N, C-alpha and C. Protein backbone atom coordinates (compact mmCIF):
# COMPACT_ATOMS: atom_id res chain seq x y z
N MET A 1 78.06 140.51 97.66
CA MET A 1 78.67 140.77 98.69
C MET A 1 80.20 141.73 98.20
N PHE A 2 80.86 140.77 96.95
CA PHE A 2 82.03 141.29 96.72
C PHE A 2 81.85 142.66 96.18
N ARG A 3 81.27 143.41 95.74
CA ARG A 3 80.65 144.37 94.93
C ARG A 3 80.80 145.46 96.11
N LEU A 4 79.77 144.97 97.35
CA LEU A 4 79.49 146.31 98.39
C LEU A 4 80.96 146.11 99.38
N ALA A 5 81.98 145.47 99.15
CA ALA A 5 83.43 145.17 99.90
C ALA A 5 84.14 145.75 99.30
N SER A 6 84.29 145.94 97.88
CA SER A 6 84.88 146.57 97.28
C SER A 6 84.96 148.07 97.14
N ILE A 7 83.55 148.38 96.98
CA ILE A 7 83.21 150.01 97.53
C ILE A 7 83.66 150.45 98.99
N LEU A 8 83.15 149.68 99.84
CA LEU A 8 83.92 149.88 101.25
C LEU A 8 85.29 150.05 101.31
N TYR A 9 85.80 149.05 100.50
CA TYR A 9 87.18 149.25 100.51
C TYR A 9 87.98 150.29 100.42
N TYR A 10 87.16 151.06 99.44
CA TYR A 10 87.93 152.32 98.85
C TYR A 10 88.08 153.46 100.15
N LEU A 11 86.69 153.59 100.75
CA LEU A 11 86.26 154.42 101.82
C LEU A 11 87.13 153.94 103.08
N ILE A 12 87.34 152.81 103.34
CA ILE A 12 87.92 152.15 104.72
C ILE A 12 89.79 152.42 104.46
N ALA A 13 89.94 152.07 103.11
CA ALA A 13 91.48 151.84 102.83
C ALA A 13 92.01 153.51 103.06
N THR A 14 91.16 154.71 102.34
CA THR A 14 91.91 156.10 102.19
C THR A 14 91.99 156.18 104.01
N THR A 15 90.67 155.89 104.78
CA THR A 15 90.40 156.19 106.07
C THR A 15 91.86 155.54 106.87
N LEU A 16 91.97 154.35 106.99
CA LEU A 16 93.01 153.82 107.59
C LEU A 16 94.52 154.16 107.37
N ALA A 17 94.82 154.31 105.85
CA ALA A 17 96.05 154.72 105.30
C ALA A 17 95.96 156.20 105.96
N GLY A 18 95.17 157.09 105.71
CA GLY A 18 95.62 158.24 106.08
C GLY A 18 95.76 158.49 107.49
N THR A 19 95.23 157.64 108.16
CA THR A 19 95.61 157.93 109.87
C THR A 19 96.69 156.91 110.27
N ALA A 20 97.07 156.26 109.75
CA ALA A 20 98.28 155.60 109.61
C ALA A 20 99.50 156.44 109.37
N VAL A 21 99.53 157.46 108.66
CA VAL A 21 100.14 158.15 108.32
C VAL A 21 100.61 159.59 109.05
N ILE A 22 99.13 159.78 109.49
CA ILE A 22 99.02 160.66 110.59
C ILE A 22 99.79 160.44 111.57
N ALA A 23 99.66 159.29 112.42
CA ALA A 23 100.17 158.50 113.27
C ALA A 23 101.59 158.67 113.18
N VAL A 24 102.01 158.12 111.75
CA VAL A 24 103.87 158.17 111.73
C VAL A 24 104.24 159.46 112.08
N LEU A 25 103.50 160.33 111.41
CA LEU A 25 104.07 161.86 111.22
C LEU A 25 104.11 162.57 112.61
N THR A 26 103.08 162.11 113.56
CA THR A 26 102.64 162.90 114.76
C THR A 26 103.81 162.12 115.77
N ALA A 27 104.02 160.71 115.40
CA ALA A 27 105.26 159.72 116.29
C ALA A 27 106.79 160.47 116.10
N GLY A 28 106.89 161.24 114.69
CA GLY A 28 107.89 162.03 114.14
C GLY A 28 108.31 161.51 113.55
N TYR A 29 108.36 160.42 112.86
CA TYR A 29 108.63 159.53 111.81
C TYR A 29 108.84 160.30 110.29
N ASP A 30 109.41 161.38 109.71
CA ASP A 30 109.14 161.72 109.07
C ASP A 30 110.28 161.30 107.93
N THR A 31 110.37 160.26 107.18
CA THR A 31 110.98 159.83 106.22
C THR A 31 110.22 159.25 104.91
N LEU A 32 110.70 159.70 103.85
CA LEU A 32 109.51 158.70 102.63
C LEU A 32 109.16 157.42 103.15
N VAL A 33 110.31 156.50 103.43
CA VAL A 33 109.88 154.91 103.58
C VAL A 33 109.02 154.91 105.04
N GLN A 34 109.13 155.29 105.95
CA GLN A 34 108.39 155.44 106.97
C GLN A 34 106.85 155.77 106.38
N ILE A 35 106.80 156.85 105.70
CA ILE A 35 104.88 157.24 105.25
C ILE A 35 104.79 156.71 104.68
N ILE A 36 105.44 155.75 103.36
CA ILE A 36 104.83 155.16 102.63
C ILE A 36 104.38 153.53 102.98
N ALA A 37 105.33 153.29 104.13
CA ALA A 37 104.95 152.04 104.87
C ALA A 37 103.81 152.20 105.73
N ALA A 38 103.37 153.09 106.26
CA ALA A 38 102.69 153.17 107.21
C ALA A 38 101.16 153.18 106.14
N ALA A 39 100.94 153.85 104.94
CA ALA A 39 100.33 153.98 103.99
C ALA A 39 99.56 152.48 103.27
N ILE A 40 100.91 151.59 103.00
CA ILE A 40 100.77 150.64 102.78
C ILE A 40 100.06 149.63 103.72
N ALA A 41 100.74 149.72 105.06
CA ALA A 41 100.09 148.91 106.16
C ALA A 41 98.51 149.00 106.44
N GLY A 42 97.87 150.58 106.04
CA GLY A 42 96.68 150.96 106.09
C GLY A 42 95.83 150.31 104.89
N ALA A 43 96.73 150.64 103.79
CA ALA A 43 95.60 149.50 102.89
C ALA A 43 95.44 148.52 102.76
N LEU A 44 96.58 147.56 103.24
CA LEU A 44 96.52 146.16 103.36
C LEU A 44 95.47 145.78 104.84
N LEU A 45 95.47 146.30 105.78
CA LEU A 45 94.44 146.45 106.84
C LEU A 45 93.49 146.79 106.63
N ALA A 46 92.90 147.51 105.47
CA ALA A 46 91.29 148.01 105.01
C ALA A 46 90.85 146.35 104.38
N LEU A 47 91.91 145.64 103.85
CA LEU A 47 91.03 144.55 103.27
C LEU A 47 90.38 143.53 104.36
N PRO A 48 90.62 143.05 105.01
CA PRO A 48 89.93 142.05 105.92
C PRO A 48 88.71 143.01 106.60
N VAL A 49 88.97 144.33 106.92
CA VAL A 49 88.30 145.27 107.73
C VAL A 49 86.79 145.43 106.55
N SER A 50 87.38 146.04 105.40
CA SER A 50 85.77 146.04 104.48
C SER A 50 85.02 144.51 104.47
N TYR A 51 85.62 143.56 103.95
CA TYR A 51 85.22 142.31 103.83
C TYR A 51 84.30 141.66 105.54
N TYR A 52 84.64 142.20 106.26
CA TYR A 52 83.98 141.93 107.72
C TYR A 52 82.73 142.85 107.87
N VAL A 53 82.98 144.29 107.30
CA VAL A 53 81.90 145.17 107.48
C VAL A 53 81.13 145.07 106.54
N ALA A 54 81.42 144.29 105.11
CA ALA A 54 80.40 144.30 103.92
C ALA A 54 79.65 142.79 104.56
N ARG A 55 80.08 141.87 104.99
CA ARG A 55 79.58 140.67 105.76
C ARG A 55 78.38 140.93 107.00
N GLU A 56 78.85 141.72 107.55
CA GLU A 56 78.20 142.24 108.79
C GLU A 56 76.74 143.21 108.25
N ILE A 57 76.88 144.06 107.30
CA ILE A 57 75.96 144.60 106.59
C ILE A 57 74.85 143.59 106.12
N TYR A 58 75.31 142.43 105.20
CA TYR A 58 74.23 141.56 104.43
C TYR A 58 74.01 140.55 105.62
N GLN A 59 74.46 140.31 106.81
CA GLN A 59 73.84 139.53 107.32
C GLN A 59 72.95 140.20 108.41
N SER A 60 72.83 141.36 108.67
CA SER A 60 71.72 142.78 109.13
C SER A 60 70.18 142.89 108.49
């Protein structure tokens, strides 16, 4: 399951980090610190999400 979760992480992390960066830019925050913080937050949020998705795939 770890192998599937790690593959899913690359897909989910880029999606969530990109979405977070776009949300930050849309909100008007355009400094480097805020953009990087949003990207890191999206990448960290992707860890439990990828584990949950991999677990659901294995259970079904």
